[in-house]
């Protein structure tokens, strides 16, 4: 296998697919959100260990949130390999969004609460585009 190949394994550690020309794949064919592609390419280019959160487009067009963890391995011949694992955190992000929204609104009226209202007012009054 060449230097620019991604090997994807299933949960039984069998090769599910290989992607030759991975850097080109990220730019042109991947479902990774365009704003997150550079993060992945930078880790891949530098061959460094890292944990990064990315967004991907799902089959239905929804945004899927994932955490990628890369580990660097050097074999006996000195060849470097990056091993990556992916964890779907979409549900976690949805729950966080709901909690933030609940914290901003009054449960009875559904209106923004006093604390969030003051914060919004302060942001608007301090912005350059205020009245």
Protein backbone atom coordinates (compact mmCIF):
# COMPACT_ATOMS: atom_id res chain seq x y z
CA UNK A 1 0.00 0.00 0.00
CA UNK A 2 1.28 3.48 -0.78
CA UNK A 3 1.81 6.38 1.62
CA UNK A 4 -1.49 8.12 0.88
CA UNK A 5 -3.96 5.31 1.52
CA UNK A 6 -6.65 5.09 4.15
CA UNK A 7 -7.66 1.62 5.29
CA UNK A 8 -11.05 1.36 6.99
CA UNK A 9 -11.68 -1.64 9.23
CA UNK A 10 -15.00 -2.88 10.53
CA UNK A 11 -15.68 -3.74 14.17
CA UNK A 12 -14.21 -7.24 13.64
CA UNK A 13 -10.93 -5.74 12.33
CA UNK A 14 -11.51 -6.89 8.77
CA UNK A 15 -10.71 -4.47 5.98
CA UNK A 16 -13.96 -2.84 4.97
CA UNK A 17 -12.50 -0.58 2.28
CA UNK A 18 -9.31 1.14 1.20
CA UNK A 19 -9.13 4.67 -0.13
CA UNK A 20 -6.09 5.42 -2.27
CA UNK A 21 -5.20 9.10 -2.67
CA UNK A 22 -6.74 9.98 0.67
CA UNK A 23 -5.75 13.66 0.56
CA UNK A 24 -7.53 14.09 -2.78
CA UNK A 25 -10.47 12.09 -1.42
CA UNK A 26 -10.84 14.50 1.54
CA UNK A 27 -11.08 17.49 -0.81
CA UNK A 28 -13.28 16.04 -3.52
CA UNK A 29 -15.29 13.02 -2.38
CA UNK A 30 -15.53 12.87 1.39
CA UNK A 31 -18.62 13.75 3.38
CA UNK A 32 -16.51 15.75 5.84
CA UNK A 33 -17.79 19.30 6.28
CA UNK A 34 -15.65 21.67 4.16
CA UNK A 35 -14.69 23.76 7.22
CA UNK A 36 -13.27 20.65 8.95
CA UNK A 37 -11.29 19.18 6.07
CA UNK A 38 -8.14 21.21 6.72
CA UNK A 39 -7.97 19.93 10.31
CA UNK A 40 -7.88 16.33 9.08
CA UNK A 41 -5.42 17.08 6.28
CA UNK A 42 -3.07 18.86 8.69
CA UNK A 43 -3.01 15.90 11.10
CA UNK A 44 -2.48 13.52 8.19
CA UNK A 45 0.34 15.63 6.67
CA UNK A 46 2.15 16.07 9.98
CA UNK A 47 1.52 12.45 10.95
CA UNK A 48 0.80 13.48 14.50
CA UNK A 49 -1.26 12.03 17.30
CA UNK A 50 -4.38 14.08 17.86
CA UNK A 51 -8.02 14.10 18.83
CA UNK A 52 -10.30 16.29 16.74
CA UNK A 53 -14.03 16.86 16.43
CA UNK A 54 -15.44 17.03 12.92
CA UNK A 55 -18.78 17.33 11.18
CA UNK A 56 -19.89 15.06 8.36
CA UNK A 57 -22.89 15.07 6.08
CA UNK A 58 -25.14 12.07 6.72
CA UNK A 59 -27.08 10.14 4.09
CA UNK A 60 -30.17 12.29 4.76
CA UNK A 61 -28.18 15.56 4.57
CA UNK A 62 -28.14 16.08 8.34
CA UNK A 63 -24.92 17.01 10.08
CA UNK A 64 -23.27 14.18 12.01
CA UNK A 65 -20.72 15.02 14.72
CA UNK A 66 -17.76 12.70 15.27
CA UNK A 67 -14.58 12.61 17.30
CA UNK A 68 -11.53 11.24 15.50
CA UNK A 69 -8.57 9.98 17.51
CA UNK A 70 -5.27 9.40 15.72
CA UNK A 71 -2.43 7.32 17.16
CA UNK A 72 1.02 7.16 15.57
CA UNK A 73 2.77 3.78 15.22
CA UNK A 74 6.26 3.16 13.87
CA UNK A 75 7.03 -0.43 12.82
CA UNK A 76 10.40 -2.22 12.93
CA UNK A 77 11.35 -0.85 9.49
CA UNK A 78 10.73 2.70 10.66
CA UNK A 79 7.57 3.07 8.58
CA UNK A 80 5.07 5.43 10.15
CA UNK A 81 1.39 4.56 10.30
CA UNK A 82 -1.50 6.59 11.66
CA UNK A 83 -4.25 4.55 13.27
CA UNK A 84 -7.56 6.35 13.68
CA UNK A 85 -10.79 5.62 15.44
CA UNK A 86 -14.10 7.37 15.09
CA UNK A 87 -16.80 7.91 17.69
CA UNK A 88 -20.23 9.32 16.78
CA UNK A 89 -21.20 12.10 19.21
CA UNK A 90 -24.22 13.42 17.30
CA UNK A 91 -26.72 12.55 20.04
CA UNK A 92 -24.47 14.11 22.66
CA UNK A 93 -24.33 17.37 20.68
CA UNK A 94 -28.13 17.35 20.24
CA UNK A 95 -28.61 16.93 23.99
CA UNK A 96 -26.16 19.76 24.71
CA UNK A 97 -28.07 22.02 22.32
CA UNK A 98 -31.38 21.20 24.04
CA UNK A 99 -29.89 21.89 27.47
CA UNK A 100 -28.50 25.24 26.34
CA UNK A 101 -31.87 26.21 24.90
CA UNK A 102 -33.63 25.19 28.12
CA UNK A 103 -31.20 27.27 30.16
CA UNK A 104 -32.05 30.34 28.06
CA UNK A 105 -35.83 30.09 28.16
CA UNK A 106 -38.50 30.18 30.80
CA UNK A 107 -40.14 26.75 31.02
CA UNK A 108 -43.65 28.16 31.50
CA UNK A 109 -43.76 30.91 28.87
CA UNK A 110 -41.09 29.75 26.43
CA UNK A 111 -39.68 33.31 26.41
CA UNK A 112 -36.01 34.06 26.94
CA UNK A 113 -35.24 34.39 30.64
CA UNK A 114 -33.87 37.50 32.34
CA UNK A 115 -30.24 36.36 32.40
CA UNK A 116 -30.16 35.53 28.70
CA UNK A 117 -32.14 38.68 27.85
CA UNK A 118 -29.56 40.84 29.61
CA UNK A 119 -26.75 39.02 27.82
CA UNK A 120 -28.41 39.60 24.42
CA UNK A 121 -29.02 43.28 25.25
CA UNK A 122 -25.37 43.74 26.26
CA UNK A 123 -24.13 42.09 23.05
CA UNK A 124 -26.39 44.27 20.91
CA UNK A 125 -25.54 47.50 22.73
CA UNK A 126 -21.80 46.79 22.46
CA UNK A 127 -21.86 45.84 18.79
CA UNK A 128 -20.82 48.32 16.13
CA UNK A 129 -24.16 47.96 14.39
CA UNK A 130 -26.25 49.05 17.39
CA UNK A 131 -28.99 51.45 16.43
